[in-house]
């Protein structure tokens, strides 16, 4: 990292979206100041935070005054600035493979395992049966694809894995069992073994209760 570069990450410790960025910063070896935003107290709706992200959501990255909001946008920014070709390929096939899973992270993952976890964590008013069903539908696809390769977009780790691993790893907190998805569990173990890996704070909720 260039001398004097200051990186700040506005996040909540239980936000999987924010953890994606924290994890990637750590994998890249980029020191960052973690600034907790008290979502339950409505800090994300205060003018000073809305000046950073008008959507009122974490995470937000401040990289020496360059402000990037949205976890996927931040992953792309960091991959291009600091990660090199390995994390976000530039060839058409490789780039498309990564983008496919970034779209999954913003869609089926967020509205399946992510939403199920919000029910037990925050009492979100989703239909538990519906979102848990979505979660298992996604996990079946992930498990089938991971039987044929080491990581989501191929044989090397990319930001596709960074974007998807947190909510999958914490799916049991939303009453979504990973027991029948051996390839998914093996993939999570490979990600957790990466140098610089940092886990997200766990919560004793759902299937993760004591």
N, C-alpha and C. Protein backbone atom coordinates (compact mmCIF):
# COMPACT_ATOMS: atom_id res chain seq x y z
N UNK A 1 0.86 -1.19 0.00
CA UNK A 1 0.00 0.00 0.00
C UNK A 1 0.89 1.23 0.00
N UNK A 2 0.58 2.24 -0.84
CA UNK A 2 1.40 3.44 -0.88
C UNK A 2 1.50 4.09 0.49
N UNK A 3 2.69 4.66 0.77
CA UNK A 3 2.92 5.32 2.05
C UNK A 3 1.89 6.44 2.24
N UNK A 4 1.30 6.47 3.42
CA UNK A 4 0.35 7.52 3.75
C UNK A 4 -1.07 7.24 3.31
N UNK A 5 -1.32 6.14 2.61
CA UNK A 5 -2.68 5.82 2.17
C UNK A 5 -3.52 5.44 3.38
N UNK A 6 -4.70 6.04 3.46
CA UNK A 6 -5.61 5.77 4.57
C UNK A 6 -6.91 5.19 4.04
N UNK A 7 -7.27 4.02 4.54
CA UNK A 7 -8.50 3.37 4.14
C UNK A 7 -9.42 3.26 5.35
N UNK A 8 -10.66 3.69 5.17
CA UNK A 8 -11.68 3.56 6.22
C UNK A 8 -12.83 2.72 5.67
N UNK A 9 -13.32 1.80 6.48
CA UNK A 9 -14.46 0.98 6.10
C UNK A 9 -15.58 1.23 7.10
N UNK A 10 -16.67 1.80 6.61
CA UNK A 10 -17.88 1.98 7.42
C UNK A 10 -18.69 0.71 7.31
N UNK A 11 -18.99 0.09 8.43
CA UNK A 11 -19.58 -1.23 8.41
C UNK A 11 -20.40 -1.48 9.68
N UNK A 12 -21.09 -2.61 9.70
CA UNK A 12 -21.67 -3.14 10.93
C UNK A 12 -21.09 -4.54 11.10
N UNK A 13 -20.69 -4.93 12.32
CA UNK A 13 -20.00 -6.21 12.49
C UNK A 13 -20.82 -7.44 12.15
N UNK A 14 -22.15 -7.31 12.07
CA UNK A 14 -23.00 -8.45 11.72
C UNK A 14 -23.52 -8.38 10.28
N UNK A 15 -23.05 -7.42 9.52
CA UNK A 15 -23.46 -7.28 8.12
C UNK A 15 -22.57 -8.14 7.24
N UNK A 16 -23.17 -9.12 6.57
CA UNK A 16 -22.41 -9.93 5.63
C UNK A 16 -21.89 -9.13 4.46
N UNK A 17 -22.65 -8.14 4.02
CA UNK A 17 -22.19 -7.28 2.92
C UNK A 17 -20.92 -6.53 3.33
N UNK A 18 -20.91 -6.02 4.56
CA UNK A 18 -19.73 -5.31 5.03
C UNK A 18 -18.56 -6.27 5.25
N UNK A 19 -18.87 -7.48 5.71
CA UNK A 19 -17.80 -8.43 5.95
C UNK A 19 -17.08 -8.81 4.66
N UNK A 20 -17.80 -8.87 3.55
CA UNK A 20 -17.15 -9.16 2.27
C UNK A 20 -15.97 -8.23 2.04
N UNK A 21 -16.20 -6.96 2.30
CA UNK A 21 -15.17 -5.95 2.05
C UNK A 21 -14.05 -6.08 3.09
N UNK A 22 -14.41 -6.24 4.35
CA UNK A 22 -13.40 -6.43 5.38
C UNK A 22 -12.51 -7.63 5.05
N UNK A 23 -13.13 -8.72 4.62
CA UNK A 23 -12.39 -9.92 4.27
C UNK A 23 -11.44 -9.65 3.11
N UNK A 24 -11.93 -8.99 2.08
CA UNK A 24 -11.09 -8.76 0.90
C UNK A 24 -9.92 -7.84 1.23
N UNK A 25 -10.18 -6.82 2.02
CA UNK A 25 -9.08 -5.95 2.46
C UNK A 25 -8.00 -6.76 3.16
N UNK A 26 -8.43 -7.68 4.02
CA UNK A 26 -7.48 -8.50 4.76
C UNK A 26 -6.74 -9.46 3.83
N UNK A 27 -7.45 -10.07 2.89
CA UNK A 27 -6.80 -10.97 1.94
C UNK A 27 -5.76 -10.24 1.09
N UNK A 28 -6.03 -8.97 0.81
CA UNK A 28 -5.10 -8.16 0.03
C UNK A 28 -3.98 -7.57 0.88
N UNK A 29 -4.08 -7.73 2.20
CA UNK A 29 -3.07 -7.16 3.08
C UNK A 29 -3.15 -5.66 3.19
N UNK A 30 -4.35 -5.09 3.07
CA UNK A 30 -4.55 -3.65 3.13
C UNK A 30 -5.10 -3.26 4.50
N UNK A 31 -4.32 -2.60 5.33
CA UNK A 31 -4.83 -2.16 6.64
C UNK A 31 -5.96 -1.14 6.46
N UNK A 32 -6.97 -1.26 7.30
CA UNK A 32 -8.10 -0.33 7.21
C UNK A 32 -8.63 -0.04 8.60
N UNK A 33 -9.12 1.17 8.76
CA UNK A 33 -9.81 1.55 10.00
C UNK A 33 -11.27 1.13 9.86
N UNK A 34 -11.74 0.31 10.81
CA UNK A 34 -13.13 -0.14 10.79
C UNK A 34 -13.97 0.81 11.62
N UNK A 35 -14.96 1.41 10.99
CA UNK A 35 -15.83 2.38 11.66
C UNK A 35 -17.22 1.77 11.72
N UNK A 36 -17.66 1.42 12.92
CA UNK A 36 -18.96 0.79 13.09
C UNK A 36 -20.08 1.81 12.98
N UNK A 37 -21.09 1.46 12.20
CA UNK A 37 -22.29 2.29 12.02
C UNK A 37 -23.42 1.60 12.78
N UNK A 38 -24.00 2.29 13.74
CA UNK A 38 -25.05 1.70 14.59
C UNK A 38 -26.37 1.69 13.83
N UNK A 39 -26.61 0.59 13.12
CA UNK A 39 -27.80 0.52 12.28
C UNK A 39 -29.08 0.51 13.11
N UNK A 40 -29.05 -0.15 14.26
CA UNK A 40 -30.25 -0.22 15.09
C UNK A 40 -30.65 1.14 15.63
N UNK A 41 -29.67 2.02 15.81
CA UNK A 41 -29.95 3.38 16.29
C UNK A 41 -30.24 4.34 15.14
N UNK A 42 -30.20 3.84 13.90
CA UNK A 42 -30.52 4.67 12.75
C UNK A 42 -29.38 5.56 12.28
N UNK A 43 -28.14 5.21 12.64
CA UNK A 43 -27.01 6.06 12.25
C UNK A 43 -26.86 6.15 10.73
N UNK A 44 -27.35 5.13 10.03
CA UNK A 44 -27.24 5.12 8.57
C UNK A 44 -28.16 6.15 7.90
N UNK A 45 -29.09 6.70 8.68
CA UNK A 45 -30.01 7.71 8.13
C UNK A 45 -29.63 9.13 8.51
N UNK A 46 -28.55 9.27 9.22
CA UNK A 46 -28.11 10.60 9.62
C UNK A 46 -27.42 11.31 8.45
N UNK A 47 -27.52 12.64 8.41
CA UNK A 47 -26.97 13.38 7.26
C UNK A 47 -25.51 13.09 6.98
N UNK A 48 -24.70 12.93 8.04
CA UNK A 48 -23.28 12.71 7.80
C UNK A 48 -23.01 11.37 7.11
N UNK A 49 -23.85 10.36 7.39
CA UNK A 49 -23.67 9.09 6.69
C UNK A 49 -24.29 9.15 5.30
N UNK A 50 -25.43 9.78 5.17
CA UNK A 50 -26.07 9.89 3.85
C UNK A 50 -25.20 10.67 2.88
N UNK A 51 -24.33 11.52 3.41
CA UNK A 51 -23.39 12.22 2.54
C UNK A 51 -22.39 11.26 1.90
N UNK A 52 -22.19 10.10 2.54
CA UNK A 52 -21.30 9.07 2.00
C UNK A 52 -22.05 8.12 1.08
N UNK A 53 -23.28 7.78 1.45
CA UNK A 53 -24.10 6.86 0.66
C UNK A 53 -25.56 7.23 0.82
N UNK A 54 -26.13 7.80 -0.22
CA UNK A 54 -27.51 8.28 -0.14
C UNK A 54 -28.52 7.16 0.03
N UNK A 55 -28.12 5.91 -0.22
CA UNK A 55 -29.01 4.79 0.03
C UNK A 55 -29.06 4.42 1.50
N UNK A 56 -28.19 4.99 2.31
CA UNK A 56 -28.21 4.72 3.74
C UNK A 56 -27.88 3.29 4.09
N UNK A 57 -26.88 2.73 3.43
CA UNK A 57 -26.51 1.32 3.65
C UNK A 57 -25.01 1.20 3.87
N UNK A 58 -24.63 0.20 4.67
CA UNK A 58 -23.23 -0.19 4.75
C UNK A 58 -23.03 -1.38 3.81
N UNK A 59 -21.80 -1.54 3.30
CA UNK A 59 -20.58 -0.83 3.64
C UNK A 59 -20.35 0.39 2.74
N UNK A 60 -19.46 1.24 3.24
CA UNK A 60 -18.91 2.34 2.45
C UNK A 60 -17.40 2.34 2.66
N UNK A 61 -16.66 2.48 1.57
CA UNK A 61 -15.20 2.54 1.64
C UNK A 61 -14.75 3.96 1.36
N UNK A 62 -13.86 4.46 2.20
CA UNK A 62 -13.19 5.74 1.98
C UNK A 62 -11.72 5.44 1.77
N UNK A 63 -11.27 5.52 0.54
CA UNK A 63 -9.88 5.23 0.19
C UNK A 63 -9.18 6.55 -0.13
N UNK A 64 -8.60 7.14 0.91
CA UNK A 64 -7.92 8.42 0.73
C UNK A 64 -8.81 9.47 0.07
N UNK A 65 -10.08 9.47 0.47
CA UNK A 65 -11.01 10.47 -0.05
C UNK A 65 -11.84 9.99 -1.23
N UNK A 66 -11.49 8.87 -1.82
CA UNK A 66 -12.33 8.27 -2.86
C UNK A 66 -13.39 7.43 -2.16
N UNK A 67 -14.65 7.80 -2.33
CA UNK A 67 -15.76 7.14 -1.63
C UNK A 67 -16.44 6.16 -2.57
N UNK A 68 -16.49 4.90 -2.14
CA UNK A 68 -17.16 3.86 -2.91
C UNK A 68 -18.19 3.19 -2.00
N UNK A 69 -19.44 3.17 -2.45
CA UNK A 69 -20.51 2.49 -1.71
C UNK A 69 -20.93 1.24 -2.47
N UNK A 70 -21.56 0.30 -1.75
CA UNK A 70 -22.05 -0.97 -2.27
C UNK A 70 -20.92 -1.99 -2.24
N UNK A 71 -21.20 -3.14 -1.61
CA UNK A 71 -20.14 -4.14 -1.40
C UNK A 71 -19.57 -4.67 -2.72
N UNK A 72 -20.42 -4.94 -3.71
CA UNK A 72 -19.91 -5.45 -4.97
C UNK A 72 -19.05 -4.42 -5.68
N UNK A 73 -19.51 -3.17 -5.69
CA UNK A 73 -18.73 -2.10 -6.31
C UNK A 73 -17.37 -1.96 -5.62
N UNK A 74 -17.35 -2.10 -4.31
CA UNK A 74 -16.09 -1.97 -3.57
C UNK A 74 -15.16 -3.13 -3.92
N UNK A 75 -15.69 -4.35 -4.00
CA UNK A 75 -14.86 -5.50 -4.37
C UNK A 75 -14.23 -5.30 -5.75
N UNK A 76 -15.03 -4.83 -6.70
CA UNK A 76 -14.51 -4.58 -8.05
C UNK A 76 -13.43 -3.50 -8.01
N UNK A 77 -13.68 -2.43 -7.27
CA UNK A 77 -12.72 -1.33 -7.16
C UNK A 77 -11.39 -1.82 -6.59
N UNK A 78 -11.45 -2.56 -5.49
CA UNK A 78 -10.23 -3.03 -4.85
C UNK A 78 -9.51 -4.07 -5.72
N UNK A 79 -10.29 -4.92 -6.38
CA UNK A 79 -9.67 -5.92 -7.26
C UNK A 79 -8.90 -5.25 -8.39
N UNK A 80 -9.49 -4.23 -8.98
CA UNK A 80 -8.83 -3.54 -10.07
C UNK A 80 -7.64 -2.71 -9.57
N UNK A 81 -7.78 -2.09 -8.41
CA UNK A 81 -6.73 -1.20 -7.92
C UNK A 81 -5.59 -1.96 -7.27
N UNK A 82 -5.91 -3.02 -6.52
CA UNK A 82 -4.89 -3.66 -5.68
C UNK A 82 -4.74 -5.16 -5.91
N UNK A 83 -5.70 -5.80 -6.57
CA UNK A 83 -5.70 -7.25 -6.61
C UNK A 83 -5.08 -7.88 -7.82
N UNK A 84 -5.05 -7.17 -8.92
CA UNK A 84 -4.49 -7.76 -10.13
C UNK A 84 -5.45 -8.71 -10.82
N UNK A 85 -4.95 -9.32 -11.87
CA UNK A 85 -5.75 -10.19 -12.74
C UNK A 85 -6.37 -11.37 -12.00
N UNK A 86 -5.68 -11.86 -10.97
CA UNK A 86 -6.14 -13.09 -10.31
C UNK A 86 -7.53 -12.94 -9.71
N UNK A 87 -7.79 -11.82 -9.06
CA UNK A 87 -9.06 -11.65 -8.35
C UNK A 87 -10.23 -11.30 -9.26
N UNK A 88 -9.95 -10.62 -10.36
CA UNK A 88 -11.01 -10.24 -11.31
C UNK A 88 -10.42 -10.30 -12.72
N UNK A 89 -10.58 -11.46 -13.38
CA UNK A 89 -9.98 -11.64 -14.71
C UNK A 89 -10.48 -10.59 -15.70
N UNK A 90 -9.63 -10.31 -16.69
CA UNK A 90 -10.02 -9.37 -17.74
C UNK A 90 -10.42 -10.09 -19.03
N UNK A 91 -10.09 -11.39 -19.15
CA UNK A 91 -10.52 -12.11 -20.34
C UNK A 91 -12.03 -12.29 -20.30
N UNK A 92 -12.70 -12.31 -21.45
CA UNK A 92 -14.16 -12.34 -21.48
C UNK A 92 -14.79 -13.50 -20.70
N UNK A 93 -14.25 -14.70 -20.85
CA UNK A 93 -14.83 -15.86 -20.19
C UNK A 93 -14.64 -15.77 -18.67
N UNK A 94 -13.44 -15.42 -18.25
CA UNK A 94 -13.16 -15.30 -16.82
C UNK A 94 -13.96 -14.19 -16.17
N UNK A 95 -14.05 -13.04 -16.85
CA UNK A 95 -14.81 -11.92 -16.31
C UNK A 95 -16.29 -12.28 -16.18
N UNK A 96 -16.82 -12.97 -17.18
CA UNK A 96 -18.23 -13.37 -17.14
C UNK A 96 -18.49 -14.36 -16.02
N UNK A 97 -17.55 -15.29 -15.80
CA UNK A 97 -17.73 -16.28 -14.74
C UNK A 97 -17.80 -15.61 -13.38
N UNK A 98 -16.95 -14.62 -13.16
CA UNK A 98 -16.98 -13.89 -11.89
C UNK A 98 -18.27 -13.07 -11.78
N UNK A 99 -18.65 -12.38 -12.85
CA UNK A 99 -19.84 -11.53 -12.81
C UNK A 99 -21.09 -12.35 -12.53
N UNK A 100 -21.13 -13.57 -13.04
CA UNK A 100 -22.28 -14.44 -12.78
C UNK A 100 -22.50 -14.60 -11.28
N UNK A 101 -21.41 -14.85 -10.54
CA UNK A 101 -21.55 -15.07 -9.10
C UNK A 101 -21.72 -13.78 -8.32
N UNK A 102 -21.23 -12.67 -8.86
CA UNK A 102 -21.52 -11.38 -8.22
C UNK A 102 -23.02 -11.09 -8.31
N UNK A 103 -23.63 -11.47 -9.43
CA UNK A 103 -25.08 -11.31 -9.58
C UNK A 103 -25.83 -12.23 -8.63
N UNK A 104 -25.33 -13.46 -8.45
CA UNK A 104 -25.93 -14.38 -7.49
C UNK A 104 -25.85 -13.79 -6.08
N UNK A 105 -24.72 -13.19 -5.74
CA UNK A 105 -24.55 -12.60 -4.41
C UNK A 105 -25.57 -11.49 -4.16
N UNK A 106 -25.90 -10.74 -5.20
CA UNK A 106 -26.85 -9.64 -5.05
C UNK A 106 -28.30 -10.09 -5.17
N UNK A 107 -28.53 -11.30 -5.66
CA UNK A 107 -29.88 -11.80 -5.86
C UNK A 107 -30.21 -13.00 -5.00
N UNK A 108 -30.06 -14.23 -5.54
CA UNK A 108 -30.46 -15.42 -4.79
C UNK A 108 -29.80 -15.56 -3.42
N UNK A 109 -28.55 -15.14 -3.29
CA UNK A 109 -27.88 -15.26 -1.99
C UNK A 109 -28.47 -14.28 -0.98
N UNK A 110 -28.66 -13.04 -1.40
CA UNK A 110 -29.22 -12.03 -0.49
C UNK A 110 -30.65 -12.36 -0.10
N UNK A 111 -31.44 -12.87 -1.06
CA UNK A 111 -32.86 -13.12 -0.81
C UNK A 111 -33.15 -14.56 -0.39
N UNK A 112 -32.10 -15.35 -0.23
CA UNK A 112 -32.23 -16.71 0.29
C UNK A 112 -31.58 -16.80 1.66
N UNK A 113 -30.32 -17.25 1.74
CA UNK A 113 -29.64 -17.35 3.04
C UNK A 113 -29.57 -16.03 3.79
N UNK A 114 -29.33 -14.94 3.06
CA UNK A 114 -29.23 -13.64 3.73
C UNK A 114 -30.54 -13.24 4.39
N UNK A 115 -31.64 -13.40 3.66
CA UNK A 115 -32.95 -13.03 4.20
C UNK A 115 -33.35 -13.95 5.35
N UNK A 116 -33.05 -15.25 5.23
CA UNK A 116 -33.39 -16.19 6.31
C UNK A 116 -32.69 -15.80 7.60
N UNK A 117 -31.44 -15.37 7.49
CA UNK A 117 -30.68 -14.96 8.67
C UNK A 117 -31.27 -13.69 9.30
N UNK A 118 -31.80 -12.80 8.47
CA UNK A 118 -32.39 -11.57 9.00
C UNK A 118 -33.64 -11.85 9.84
N UNK A 119 -34.32 -12.95 9.55
CA UNK A 119 -35.50 -13.31 10.34
C UNK A 119 -35.10 -13.61 11.78
N UNK A 120 -34.09 -14.46 11.94
CA UNK A 120 -33.68 -14.86 13.29
C UNK A 120 -32.83 -13.80 13.97
N UNK A 121 -32.12 -13.00 13.18
CA UNK A 121 -31.22 -11.99 13.75
C UNK A 121 -31.97 -10.73 14.16
N UNK A 122 -32.88 -10.29 13.29
CA UNK A 122 -33.53 -8.99 13.52
C UNK A 122 -35.05 -9.06 13.50
N UNK A 123 -35.60 -10.26 13.34
CA UNK A 123 -37.06 -10.38 13.28
C UNK A 123 -37.65 -9.84 11.99
N UNK A 124 -36.90 -9.89 10.90
CA UNK A 124 -37.39 -9.39 9.62
C UNK A 124 -38.67 -10.12 9.21
N UNK A 125 -39.57 -9.41 8.57
CA UNK A 125 -40.90 -9.94 8.24
C UNK A 125 -40.92 -10.65 6.89
N UNK A 126 -40.00 -11.60 6.70
CA UNK A 126 -40.03 -12.43 5.51
C UNK A 126 -40.78 -13.72 5.82
N UNK A 127 -41.22 -14.40 4.77
CA UNK A 127 -41.83 -15.72 4.92
C UNK A 127 -40.69 -16.73 5.09
N UNK A 128 -40.55 -17.28 6.28
CA UNK A 128 -39.41 -18.15 6.58
C UNK A 128 -39.35 -19.35 5.64
N UNK A 129 -40.49 -19.99 5.41
CA UNK A 129 -40.51 -21.17 4.55
C UNK A 129 -40.04 -20.82 3.14
N UNK A 130 -40.49 -19.68 2.65
CA UNK A 130 -40.13 -19.27 1.29
C UNK A 130 -38.64 -18.98 1.17
N UNK A 131 -38.07 -18.18 2.08
CA UNK A 131 -36.67 -17.80 1.93
C UNK A 131 -35.73 -18.97 2.24
N UNK A 132 -36.12 -19.85 3.17
CA UNK A 132 -35.30 -21.04 3.42
C UNK A 132 -35.34 -21.96 2.20
N UNK A 133 -36.50 -22.06 1.56
CA UNK A 133 -36.59 -22.83 0.32
C UNK A 133 -35.70 -22.26 -0.77
N UNK A 134 -35.66 -20.92 -0.88
CA UNK A 134 -34.77 -20.29 -1.86
C UNK A 134 -33.31 -20.61 -1.53
N UNK A 135 -33.00 -20.57 -0.25
CA UNK A 135 -31.62 -20.84 0.18
C UNK A 135 -31.19 -22.24 -0.24
N UNK A 136 -32.03 -23.23 -0.01
CA UNK A 136 -31.67 -24.60 -0.37
C UNK A 136 -31.61 -24.78 -1.89
N UNK A 137 -32.46 -24.10 -2.62
CA UNK A 137 -32.39 -24.17 -4.09
C UNK A 137 -31.04 -23.65 -4.58
N UNK A 138 -30.59 -22.55 -4.00
CA UNK A 138 -29.28 -22.01 -4.36
C UNK A 138 -28.15 -22.95 -3.95
N UNK A 139 -28.22 -23.46 -2.74
CA UNK A 139 -27.15 -24.33 -2.25
C UNK A 139 -27.03 -25.61 -3.07
N UNK A 140 -28.15 -26.11 -3.57
CA UNK A 140 -28.08 -27.30 -4.43
C UNK A 140 -27.31 -27.00 -5.71
N UNK A 141 -27.55 -25.82 -6.29
CA UNK A 141 -26.82 -25.43 -7.50
C UNK A 141 -25.33 -25.24 -7.18
N UNK A 142 -25.05 -24.52 -6.11
CA UNK A 142 -23.65 -24.28 -5.73
C UNK A 142 -22.92 -25.59 -5.48
N UNK A 143 -23.58 -26.50 -4.78
CA UNK A 143 -22.93 -27.78 -4.45
C UNK A 143 -22.63 -28.57 -5.72
N UNK A 144 -23.56 -28.58 -6.65
CA UNK A 144 -23.35 -29.31 -7.90
C UNK A 144 -22.18 -28.73 -8.69
N UNK A 145 -22.11 -27.40 -8.75
CA UNK A 145 -21.04 -26.77 -9.53
C UNK A 145 -19.69 -26.92 -8.84
N UNK A 146 -19.67 -26.87 -7.52
CA UNK A 146 -18.41 -26.97 -6.80
C UNK A 146 -17.86 -28.39 -6.75
N UNK A 147 -18.65 -29.36 -7.16
CA UNK A 147 -18.11 -30.72 -7.26
C UNK A 147 -17.10 -30.83 -8.38
N UNK A 148 -17.14 -29.89 -9.31
CA UNK A 148 -16.24 -29.97 -10.46
C UNK A 148 -15.11 -28.97 -10.45
N UNK A 149 -15.00 -28.13 -9.41
CA UNK A 149 -13.92 -27.16 -9.37
C UNK A 149 -13.66 -26.71 -7.94
N UNK A 150 -12.53 -26.07 -7.74
CA UNK A 150 -12.10 -25.67 -6.41
C UNK A 150 -12.85 -24.44 -5.90
N UNK A 151 -13.09 -23.48 -6.79
CA UNK A 151 -13.71 -22.21 -6.41
C UNK A 151 -14.86 -21.89 -7.37
N UNK A 152 -15.65 -20.90 -7.04
CA UNK A 152 -16.89 -20.67 -7.78
C UNK A 152 -16.67 -20.37 -9.25
N UNK A 153 -15.64 -19.58 -9.57
CA UNK A 153 -15.44 -19.17 -10.96
C UNK A 153 -14.32 -19.94 -11.64
N UNK A 154 -13.82 -21.00 -11.00
CA UNK A 154 -12.76 -21.78 -11.62
C UNK A 154 -11.85 -22.42 -10.59
N UNK A 155 -10.59 -22.58 -10.96
CA UNK A 155 -9.64 -23.28 -10.10
C UNK A 155 -8.85 -22.34 -9.20
N UNK A 156 -9.11 -21.05 -9.27
CA UNK A 156 -8.43 -20.11 -8.38
C UNK A 156 -9.46 -19.19 -7.74
N UNK A 157 -9.12 -18.70 -6.58
CA UNK A 157 -10.04 -17.84 -5.84
C UNK A 157 -10.17 -16.49 -6.54
N UNK A 158 -11.38 -15.96 -6.54
CA UNK A 158 -11.66 -14.64 -7.12
C UNK A 158 -12.61 -13.89 -6.18
N UNK A 159 -12.97 -12.68 -6.57
CA UNK A 159 -13.93 -11.94 -5.75
C UNK A 159 -15.31 -12.59 -5.77
N UNK A 160 -15.55 -13.53 -6.68
CA UNK A 160 -16.81 -14.29 -6.63
C UNK A 160 -16.92 -15.04 -5.32
N UNK A 161 -15.83 -15.66 -4.89
CA UNK A 161 -15.82 -16.39 -3.62
C UNK A 161 -15.94 -15.46 -2.43
N UNK A 162 -15.27 -14.31 -2.51
CA UNK A 162 -15.35 -13.33 -1.43
C UNK A 162 -16.78 -12.82 -1.28
N UNK A 163 -17.45 -12.60 -2.40
CA UNK A 163 -18.81 -12.06 -2.37
C UNK A 163 -19.82 -13.05 -1.81
N UNK A 164 -19.56 -14.34 -1.98
CA UNK A 164 -20.57 -15.35 -1.65
C UNK A 164 -20.33 -16.09 -0.34
N UNK A 165 -19.10 -16.12 0.15
CA UNK A 165 -18.80 -17.06 1.24
C UNK A 165 -19.45 -16.70 2.57
N UNK A 166 -19.58 -15.43 2.89
CA UNK A 166 -20.03 -15.06 4.24
C UNK A 166 -21.45 -15.52 4.52
N UNK A 167 -22.38 -15.18 3.63
CA UNK A 167 -23.77 -15.54 3.89
C UNK A 167 -24.00 -17.04 3.80
N UNK A 168 -23.19 -17.74 3.00
CA UNK A 168 -23.30 -19.20 2.97
C UNK A 168 -22.78 -19.77 4.28
N UNK A 169 -21.63 -19.31 4.74
CA UNK A 169 -21.06 -19.81 5.99
C UNK A 169 -21.99 -19.58 7.17
N UNK A 170 -22.74 -18.49 7.14
CA UNK A 170 -23.62 -18.13 8.25
C UNK A 170 -25.07 -18.53 8.00
N UNK A 171 -25.31 -19.33 6.96
CA UNK A 171 -26.67 -19.78 6.66
C UNK A 171 -27.33 -20.50 7.83
N UNK A 172 -26.61 -21.33 8.61
CA UNK A 172 -27.27 -21.98 9.74
C UNK A 172 -27.87 -21.01 10.75
N UNK A 173 -27.36 -19.79 10.82
CA UNK A 173 -27.96 -18.79 11.72
C UNK A 173 -29.39 -18.46 11.30
N UNK A 174 -29.69 -18.72 10.04
CA UNK A 174 -31.05 -18.50 9.53
C UNK A 174 -31.84 -19.78 9.37
N UNK A 175 -31.44 -20.83 10.11
CA UNK A 175 -32.11 -22.14 10.06
C UNK A 175 -31.96 -22.83 8.71
N UNK A 176 -30.86 -22.56 8.04
CA UNK A 176 -30.55 -23.23 6.77
C UNK A 176 -29.35 -24.15 7.02
N UNK A 177 -29.59 -25.44 7.00
CA UNK A 177 -28.53 -26.41 7.28
C UNK A 177 -27.64 -26.61 6.06
N UNK A 178 -26.34 -26.74 6.30
CA UNK A 178 -25.38 -27.04 5.25
C UNK A 178 -24.99 -28.51 5.23
N UNK A 179 -25.65 -29.31 6.05
CA UNK A 179 -25.23 -30.70 6.26
C UNK A 179 -25.17 -31.51 4.98
N UNK A 180 -26.11 -31.30 4.06
CA UNK A 180 -26.16 -32.15 2.87
C UNK A 180 -25.34 -31.60 1.71
N UNK A 181 -24.60 -30.52 1.94
CA UNK A 181 -23.86 -29.87 0.85
C UNK A 181 -22.36 -29.99 1.09
N UNK A 182 -21.85 -31.19 0.85
CA UNK A 182 -20.45 -31.46 1.13
C UNK A 182 -19.48 -30.63 0.31
N UNK A 183 -19.79 -30.41 -0.95
CA UNK A 183 -18.90 -29.62 -1.80
C UNK A 183 -18.89 -28.16 -1.36
N UNK A 184 -20.02 -27.66 -0.92
CA UNK A 184 -20.08 -26.28 -0.41
C UNK A 184 -19.25 -26.16 0.86
N UNK A 185 -19.38 -27.12 1.75
CA UNK A 185 -18.61 -27.07 3.00
C UNK A 185 -17.11 -27.16 2.74
N UNK A 186 -16.72 -27.97 1.76
CA UNK A 186 -15.30 -28.07 1.40
C UNK A 186 -14.79 -26.76 0.82
N UNK A 187 -15.62 -26.12 0.02
CA UNK A 187 -15.27 -24.80 -0.55
C UNK A 187 -15.10 -23.77 0.57
N UNK A 188 -16.04 -23.74 1.52
CA UNK A 188 -15.91 -22.81 2.64
C UNK A 188 -14.61 -23.04 3.40
N UNK A 189 -14.22 -24.29 3.56
CA UNK A 189 -12.96 -24.61 4.25
C UNK A 189 -11.77 -24.10 3.46
N UNK A 190 -11.82 -24.20 2.13
CA UNK A 190 -10.72 -23.69 1.31
C UNK A 190 -10.61 -22.17 1.43
N UNK A 191 -11.76 -21.49 1.42
CA UNK A 191 -11.73 -20.03 1.58
C UNK A 191 -11.19 -19.66 2.96
N UNK A 192 -11.64 -20.37 4.00
CA UNK A 192 -11.20 -20.06 5.36
C UNK A 192 -9.71 -20.33 5.55
N UNK A 193 -9.11 -21.15 4.70
CA UNK A 193 -7.69 -21.46 4.81
C UNK A 193 -6.80 -20.46 4.07
N UNK A 194 -7.40 -19.49 3.38
CA UNK A 194 -6.61 -18.51 2.64
C UNK A 194 -5.83 -17.62 3.60
N UNK A 195 -4.58 -17.28 3.29
CA UNK A 195 -3.82 -16.36 4.14
C UNK A 195 -4.53 -15.02 4.24
N UNK A 196 -4.74 -14.56 5.45
CA UNK A 196 -5.42 -13.29 5.67
C UNK A 196 -6.91 -13.41 5.91
N UNK A 197 -7.44 -14.65 5.87
CA UNK A 197 -8.88 -14.82 6.09
C UNK A 197 -9.28 -14.33 7.48
N UNK A 198 -10.38 -13.60 7.54
CA UNK A 198 -10.95 -13.19 8.82
C UNK A 198 -12.43 -13.56 8.82
N UNK A 199 -12.92 -14.24 9.84
CA UNK A 199 -14.33 -14.62 9.88
C UNK A 199 -15.20 -13.45 10.32
N UNK A 200 -16.48 -13.55 10.01
CA UNK A 200 -17.44 -12.60 10.55
C UNK A 200 -17.87 -13.07 11.93
N UNK A 201 -18.22 -12.12 12.77
CA UNK A 201 -18.73 -12.44 14.10
C UNK A 201 -19.94 -13.36 13.98
N UNK A 202 -19.96 -14.40 14.79
CA UNK A 202 -21.08 -15.35 14.74
C UNK A 202 -22.15 -14.95 15.76
N UNK A 203 -23.35 -15.46 15.51
CA UNK A 203 -24.48 -15.19 16.40
C UNK A 203 -25.13 -16.52 16.76
N UNK A 204 -25.45 -16.71 18.02
CA UNK A 204 -26.06 -17.96 18.49
C UNK A 204 -27.56 -17.94 18.25
N UNK A 205 -27.93 -18.03 16.98
CA UNK A 205 -29.32 -17.97 16.55
C UNK A 205 -29.59 -19.09 15.57
N UNK A 206 -30.84 -19.40 15.33
CA UNK A 206 -31.18 -20.43 14.37
C UNK A 206 -30.54 -21.76 14.73
N UNK A 207 -30.01 -22.44 13.72
CA UNK A 207 -29.36 -23.72 13.94
C UNK A 207 -28.01 -23.57 14.63
N UNK A 208 -27.51 -22.33 14.71
CA UNK A 208 -26.22 -22.06 15.34
C UNK A 208 -26.33 -21.88 16.86
N UNK A 209 -27.54 -22.00 17.39
CA UNK A 209 -27.68 -21.89 18.84
C UNK A 209 -26.92 -23.01 19.54
N UNK A 210 -26.16 -22.61 20.63
CA UNK A 210 -25.39 -23.48 21.50
C UNK A 210 -25.56 -24.92 21.28
